[in-house]
Amino acid sequence: MINFRHNSRPAFTLMEVIVVLFVVSVGLVSLLGLIVQNIQSQVYNRNNLIAYQLAQEGIELVRKTRDSNWRAATSTFSGLADGRYYMDYADSAPQVALSDDDVILKQDEDGFYFHDAASPEPASGFSREILLTALDEHSLKVEADVFWSEHQRAYSYSLETILYDWR
């Protein structure tokens, strides 16, 4: 004879299982959201640091031109008239930026950023323009602006200093 007795062991009901699965899935979705946000923050911080370094380099390149003029015993601000310029490590003096294409930076195989519209290298995503403004005959305001975009949002970083003719 078969005995059909009720099993008295405790078990989970279907409703309890559904609630547990819902709580776990909400936790996993939240965790994935935090991971995505963390990655986006890291990309922004990386690009912001690169932009800062490119802006600092722009100011240092103009300072190099001023110092070279001083060493050559020419006018300290020779070749540094008011205007919008571009310049990279291979240039001895700032070049007048005639269009937005002139300020686009490309990156070579060694990781150096440069301006060359004719180069087959792809654009790096960064642009740098240098704005020069004479404050008087002995001082020059230098502003380096770096622009980039990510995820359809435009960002910029600006740095400025004043260079003096100390002669």
C-alpha atoms as a PDB file:
ATOM      1  CA  MET A   1       0.000   0.000   0.000  1.00  0.00           C
ATOM      2  CA  ILE A   2       1.141   3.507  -0.854  1.00  0.00           C
ATOM      3  CA  ASN A   3       1.207   6.040   1.907  1.00  0.00           C
ATOM      4  CA  PHE A   4       0.404   9.633   0.741  1.00  0.00           C
ATOM      5  CA  ARG A   5       1.283  11.514   3.847  1.00  0.00           C
ATOM      6  CA  HIS A   6       1.846  15.252   3.897  1.00  0.00           C
ATOM      7  CA  ASN A   7       5.516  16.226   3.948  1.00  0.00           C
ATOM      8  CA  SER A   8       6.140  18.469   6.939  1.00  0.00           C
ATOM      9  CA  ARG A   9       9.471  19.914   5.777  1.00  0.00           C
ATOM     10  CA  PRO A  10       9.459  23.699   5.346  1.00  0.00           C
ATOM     11  CA  ALA A  11       9.806  24.937   1.731  1.00  0.00           C
ATOM     12  CA  PHE A  12       9.823  28.236  -0.172  1.00  0.00           C
ATOM     13  CA  THR A  13       6.662  29.353  -1.820  1.00  0.00           C
ATOM     14  CA  LEU A  14       6.638  30.673  -5.367  1.00  0.00           C
ATOM     15  CA  MET A  15       5.974  34.190  -4.092  1.00  0.00           C
ATOM     16  CA  GLU A  16       9.021  34.149  -1.830  1.00  0.00           C
ATOM     17  CA  VAL A  17      11.243  33.021  -4.713  1.00  0.00           C
ATOM     18  CA  ILE A  18       9.920  35.840  -6.942  1.00  0.00           C
ATOM     19  CA  VAL A  19      10.565  38.449  -4.240  1.00  0.00           C
ATOM     20  CA  VAL A  20      14.145  37.216  -3.703  1.00  0.00           C
ATOM     21  CA  LEU A  21      14.838  37.263  -7.457  1.00  0.00           C
ATOM     22  CA  PHE A  22      13.439  40.805  -7.696  1.00  0.00           C
ATOM     23  CA  VAL A  23      15.629  42.071  -4.820  1.00  0.00           C
ATOM     24  CA  VAL A  24      18.750  40.437  -6.288  1.00  0.00           C
ATOM     25  CA  SER A  25      18.034  41.833  -9.781  1.00  0.00           C
ATOM     26  CA  VAL A  26      17.529  45.371  -8.407  1.00  0.00           C
ATOM     27  CA  GLY A  27      20.860  45.066  -6.598  1.00  0.00           C
ATOM     28  CA  LEU A  28      22.665  43.869  -9.747  1.00  0.00           C
ATOM     29  CA  VAL A  29      21.168  46.656 -11.893  1.00  0.00           C
ATOM     30  CA  SER A  30      22.283  49.232  -9.309  1.00  0.00           C
ATOM     31  CA  LEU A  31      25.769  47.732  -9.227  1.00  0.00           C
ATOM     32  CA  LEU A  32      26.037  47.845 -13.026  1.00  0.00           C
ATOM     33  CA  GLY A  33      24.923  51.490 -12.982  1.00  0.00           C
ATOM     34  CA  LEU A  34      27.690  52.326 -10.523  1.00  0.00           C
ATOM     35  CA  ILE A  35      30.265  50.531 -12.674  1.00  0.00           C
ATOM     36  CA  VAL A  36      29.195  52.454 -15.796  1.00  0.00           C
ATOM     37  CA  GLN A  37      29.272  55.767 -13.913  1.00  0.00           C
ATOM     38  CA  ASN A  38      32.738  54.953 -12.561  1.00  0.00           C
ATOM     39  CA  ILE A  39      34.066  54.219 -16.050  1.00  0.00           C
ATOM     40  CA  GLN A  40      32.583  57.479 -17.396  1.00  0.00           C
ATOM     41  CA  SER A  41      34.187  59.417 -14.528  1.00  0.00           C
ATOM     42  CA  GLN A  42      37.554  57.831 -15.243  1.00  0.00           C
ATOM     43  CA  VAL A  43      37.339  58.769 -18.941  1.00  0.00           C
ATOM     44  CA  TYR A  44      36.406  62.360 -18.072  1.00  0.00           C
ATOM     45  CA  ASN A  45      39.223  62.642 -15.508  1.00  0.00           C
ATOM     46  CA  ARG A  46      41.736  61.228 -18.002  1.00  0.00           C
ATOM     47  CA  ASN A  47      40.666  63.697 -20.708  1.00  0.00           C
ATOM     48  CA  ASN A  48      40.625  66.588 -18.241  1.00  0.00           C
ATOM     49  CA  LEU A  49      44.203  65.765 -17.202  1.00  0.00           C
ATOM     50  CA  ILE A  50      45.317  65.581 -20.842  1.00  0.00           C
ATOM     51  CA  ALA A  51      43.606  68.926 -21.527  1.00  0.00           C
ATOM     52  CA  TYR A  52      45.396  70.512 -18.563  1.00  0.00           C
ATOM     53  CA  GLN A  53      48.760  69.252 -19.784  1.00  0.00           C
ATOM     54  CA  LEU A  54      48.079  70.451 -23.343  1.00  0.00           C
ATOM     55  CA  ALA A  55      47.091  73.903 -22.063  1.00  0.00           C
ATOM     56  CA  GLN A  56      50.224  74.064 -19.899  1.00  0.00           C
ATOM     57  CA  GLU A  57      52.328  73.022 -22.891  1.00  0.00           C
ATOM     58  CA  GLY A  58      50.756  75.813 -24.981  1.00  0.00           C
ATOM     59  CA  ILE A  59      51.780  78.419 -22.414  1.00  0.00           C
ATOM     60  CA  GLU A  60      55.275  76.950 -22.093  1.00  0.00           C
ATOM     61  CA  LEU A  61      55.745  77.034 -25.877  1.00  0.00           C
ATOM     62  CA  VAL A  62      54.940  80.756 -25.969  1.00  0.00           C
ATOM     63  CA  ARG A  63      57.293  81.273 -23.013  1.00  0.00           C
ATOM     64  CA  LYS A  64      59.981  79.423 -24.994  1.00  0.00           C
ATOM     65  CA  THR A  65      59.483  81.848 -27.905  1.00  0.00           C
ATOM     66  CA  ARG A  66      59.750  84.849 -25.588  1.00  0.00           C
ATOM     67  CA  ASP A  67      62.929  83.454 -24.006  1.00  0.00           C
ATOM     68  CA  SER A  68      64.451  82.659 -27.423  1.00  0.00           C
ATOM     69  CA  ASN A  69      63.783  86.235 -28.520  1.00  0.00           C
ATOM     70  CA  TRP A  70      65.437  87.512 -25.355  1.00  0.00           C
ATOM     71  CA  ARG A  71      68.517  85.307 -25.889  1.00  0.00           C
ATOM     72  CA  ALA A  72      68.762  86.433 -29.519  1.00  0.00           C
ATOM     73  CA  ALA A  73      68.711  90.065 -28.325  1.00  0.00           C
ATOM     74  CA  THR A  74      65.666  90.852 -30.473  1.00  0.00           C
ATOM     75  CA  SER A  75      62.444  92.383 -29.292  1.00  0.00           C
ATOM     76  CA  THR A  76      61.191  90.150 -26.480  1.00  0.00           C
ATOM     77  CA  PHE A  77      57.695  89.900 -27.930  1.00  0.00           C
ATOM     78  CA  SER A  78      58.771  89.618 -31.580  1.00  0.00           C
ATOM     79  CA  GLY A  79      56.349  87.300 -33.414  1.00  0.00           C
ATOM     80  CA  LEU A  80      53.915  87.453 -30.490  1.00  0.00           C
ATOM     81  CA  ALA A  81      51.325  89.959 -31.704  1.00  0.00           C
ATOM     82  CA  ASP A  82      47.727  89.936 -30.537  1.00  0.00           C
ATOM     83  CA  GLY A  83      45.741  87.131 -32.112  1.00  0.00           C
ATOM     84  CA  ARG A  84      44.688  83.501 -32.207  1.00  0.00           C
ATOM     85  CA  TYR A  85      47.510  81.012 -32.721  1.00  0.00           C
ATOM     86  CA  TYR A  86      48.442  77.352 -32.714  1.00  0.00           C
ATOM     87  CA  MET A  87      51.813  75.885 -31.842  1.00  0.00           C
ATOM     88  CA  ASP A  88      53.350  72.528 -31.020  1.00  0.00           C
ATOM     89  CA  TYR A  89      56.700  71.196 -29.867  1.00  0.00           C
ATOM     90  CA  ALA A  90      58.192  71.265 -33.379  1.00  0.00           C
ATOM     91  CA  ASP A  91      57.414  74.968 -33.997  1.00  0.00           C
ATOM     92  CA  SER A  92      59.861  77.742 -33.143  1.00  0.00           C
ATOM     93  CA  ALA A  93      57.126  80.403 -33.058  1.00  0.00           C
ATOM     94  CA  PRO A  94      53.334  80.471 -32.876  1.00  0.00           C
ATOM     95  CA  GLN A  95      51.461  80.124 -36.173  1.00  0.00           C
ATOM     96  CA  VAL A  96      48.365  82.206 -36.932  1.00  0.00           C
ATOM     97  CA  ALA A  97      45.219  80.073 -36.759  1.00  0.00           C
ATOM     98  CA  LEU A  98      43.141  80.954 -39.793  1.00  0.00           C
ATOM     99  CA  SER A  99      40.465  78.289 -39.310  1.00  0.00           C
ATOM    100  CA  ASP A 100      39.195  75.827 -36.736  1.00  0.00           C
ATOM    101  CA  ASP A 101      40.999  73.034 -38.619  1.00  0.00           C
ATOM    102  CA  ASP A 102      44.330  74.667 -37.719  1.00  0.00           C
ATOM    103  CA  VAL A 103      43.831  74.122 -33.990  1.00  0.00           C
ATOM    104  CA  ILE A 104      42.927  70.402 -34.190  1.00  0.00           C
ATOM    105  CA  LEU A 105      45.558  68.237 -32.538  1.00  0.00           C
ATOM    106  CA  LYS A 106      46.698  64.887 -33.888  1.00  0.00           C
ATOM    107  CA  GLN A 107      48.795  62.304 -32.084  1.00  0.00           C
ATOM    108  CA  ASP A 108      51.860  60.633 -33.561  1.00  0.00           C
ATOM    109  CA  GLU A 109      53.029  57.061 -32.936  1.00  0.00           C
ATOM    110  CA  ASP A 110      55.146  58.243 -29.974  1.00  0.00           C
ATOM    111  CA  GLY A 111      52.147  59.847 -28.259  1.00  0.00           C
ATOM    112  CA  PHE A 112      53.124  63.467 -28.998  1.00  0.00           C
ATOM    113  CA  TYR A 113      50.382  65.891 -29.981  1.00  0.00           C
ATOM    114  CA  PHE A 114      50.902  68.081 -33.056  1.00  0.00           C
ATOM    115  CA  HIS A 115      49.083  70.359 -35.517  1.00  0.00           C
ATOM    116  CA  ASP A 116      49.156  69.363 -39.174  1.00  0.00           C
ATOM    117  CA  ALA A 117      45.952  69.419 -41.203  1.00  0.00           C
ATOM    118  CA  ALA A 118      47.682  67.596 -44.079  1.00  0.00           C
ATOM    119  CA  SER A 119      48.853  64.681 -41.912  1.00  0.00           C
ATOM    120  CA  PRO A 120      47.121  61.342 -42.484  1.00  0.00           C
ATOM    121  CA  GLU A 121      47.060  60.713 -38.722  1.00  0.00           C
ATOM    122  CA  PRO A 122      43.534  60.731 -37.263  1.00  0.00           C
ATOM    123  CA  ALA A 123      42.453  63.615 -35.049  1.00  0.00           C
ATOM    124  CA  SER A 124      43.091  63.042 -31.343  1.00  0.00           C
ATOM    125  CA  GLY A 125      39.787  64.565 -30.261  1.00  0.00           C
ATOM    126  CA  PHE A 126      41.526  67.588 -28.715  1.00  0.00           C
ATOM    127  CA  SER A 127      41.950  71.106 -30.111  1.00  0.00           C
ATOM    128  CA  ARG A 128      44.202  73.814 -28.689  1.00  0.00           C
ATOM    129  CA  GLU A 129      44.249  77.492 -29.462  1.00  0.00           C
ATOM    130  CA  ILE A 130      46.543  80.086 -27.968  1.00  0.00           C
ATOM    131  CA  LEU A 131      45.267  83.630 -27.562  1.00  0.00           C
ATOM    132  CA  LEU A 132      47.814  86.425 -27.161  1.00  0.00           C
ATOM    133  CA  THR A 133      46.897  89.885 -25.900  1.00  0.00           C
ATOM    134  CA  ALA A 134      49.408  92.668 -25.282  1.00  0.00           C
ATOM    135  CA  LEU A 135      48.596  94.385 -21.997  1.00  0.00           C
ATOM    136  CA  ASP A 136      51.267  97.046 -22.480  1.00  0.00           C
ATOM    137  CA  GLU A 137      54.712  97.214 -24.077  1.00  0.00           C
ATOM    138  CA  HIS A 138      56.246  95.102 -21.286  1.00  0.00           C
ATOM    139  CA  SER A 139      53.606  92.430 -20.660  1.00  0.00           C
ATOM    140  CA  LEU A 140      51.697  89.858 -22.678  1.00  0.00           C
ATOM    141  CA  LYS A 141      48.652  87.849 -21.608  1.00  0.00           C
ATOM    142  CA  VAL A 142      48.775  84.247 -22.850  1.00  0.00           C
ATOM    143  CA  GLU A 143      45.657  82.085 -22.748  1.00  0.00           C
ATOM    144  CA  ALA A 144      45.694  78.443 -23.834  1.00  0.00           C
ATOM    145  CA  ASP A 145      42.278  76.896 -24.436  1.00  0.00           C
ATOM    146  CA  VAL A 146      41.831  73.162 -25.017  1.00  0.00           C
ATOM    147  CA  PHE A 147      38.571  71.712 -26.313  1.00  0.00           C
ATOM    148  CA  TRP A 148      37.303  68.156 -26.584  1.00  0.00           C
ATOM    149  CA  SER A 149      34.006  66.314 -26.647  1.00  0.00           C
ATOM    150  CA  GLU A 150      32.746  62.986 -25.420  1.00  0.00           C
ATOM    151  CA  HIS A 151      29.256  61.484 -25.528  1.00  0.00           C
ATOM    152  CA  GLN A 152      27.896  64.499 -27.459  1.00  0.00           C
ATOM    153  CA  ARG A 153      29.019  66.922 -24.721  1.00  0.00           C
ATOM    154  CA  ALA A 154      31.607  69.627 -25.325  1.00  0.00           C
ATOM    155  CA  TYR A 155      34.258  70.342 -22.701  1.00  0.00           C
ATOM    156  CA  SER A 156      37.002  72.937 -22.436  1.00  0.00           C
ATOM    157  CA  TYR A 157      39.976  73.720 -20.245  1.00  0.00           C
ATOM    158  CA  SER A 158      41.527  77.171 -20.095  1.00  0.00           C
ATOM    159  CA  LEU A 159      44.792  78.320 -18.583  1.00  0.00           C
ATOM    160  CA  GLU A 160      46.280  81.811 -18.662  1.00  0.00           C
ATOM    161  CA  THR A 161      49.351  83.650 -17.514  1.00  0.00           C
ATOM    162  CA  ILE A 162      51.089  86.965 -18.026  1.00  0.00           C
ATOM    163  CA  LEU A 163      54.577  87.053 -19.510  1.00  0.00           C
ATOM    164  CA  TYR A 164      56.819  90.048 -18.841  1.00  0.00           C
ATOM    165  CA  ASP A 165      59.741  91.655 -20.619  1.00  0.00           C
ATOM    166  CA  TRP A 166      62.211  91.764 -17.750  1.00  0.00           C
ATOM    167  CA  ARG A 167      64.953  93.587 -19.653  1.00  0.00           C
END
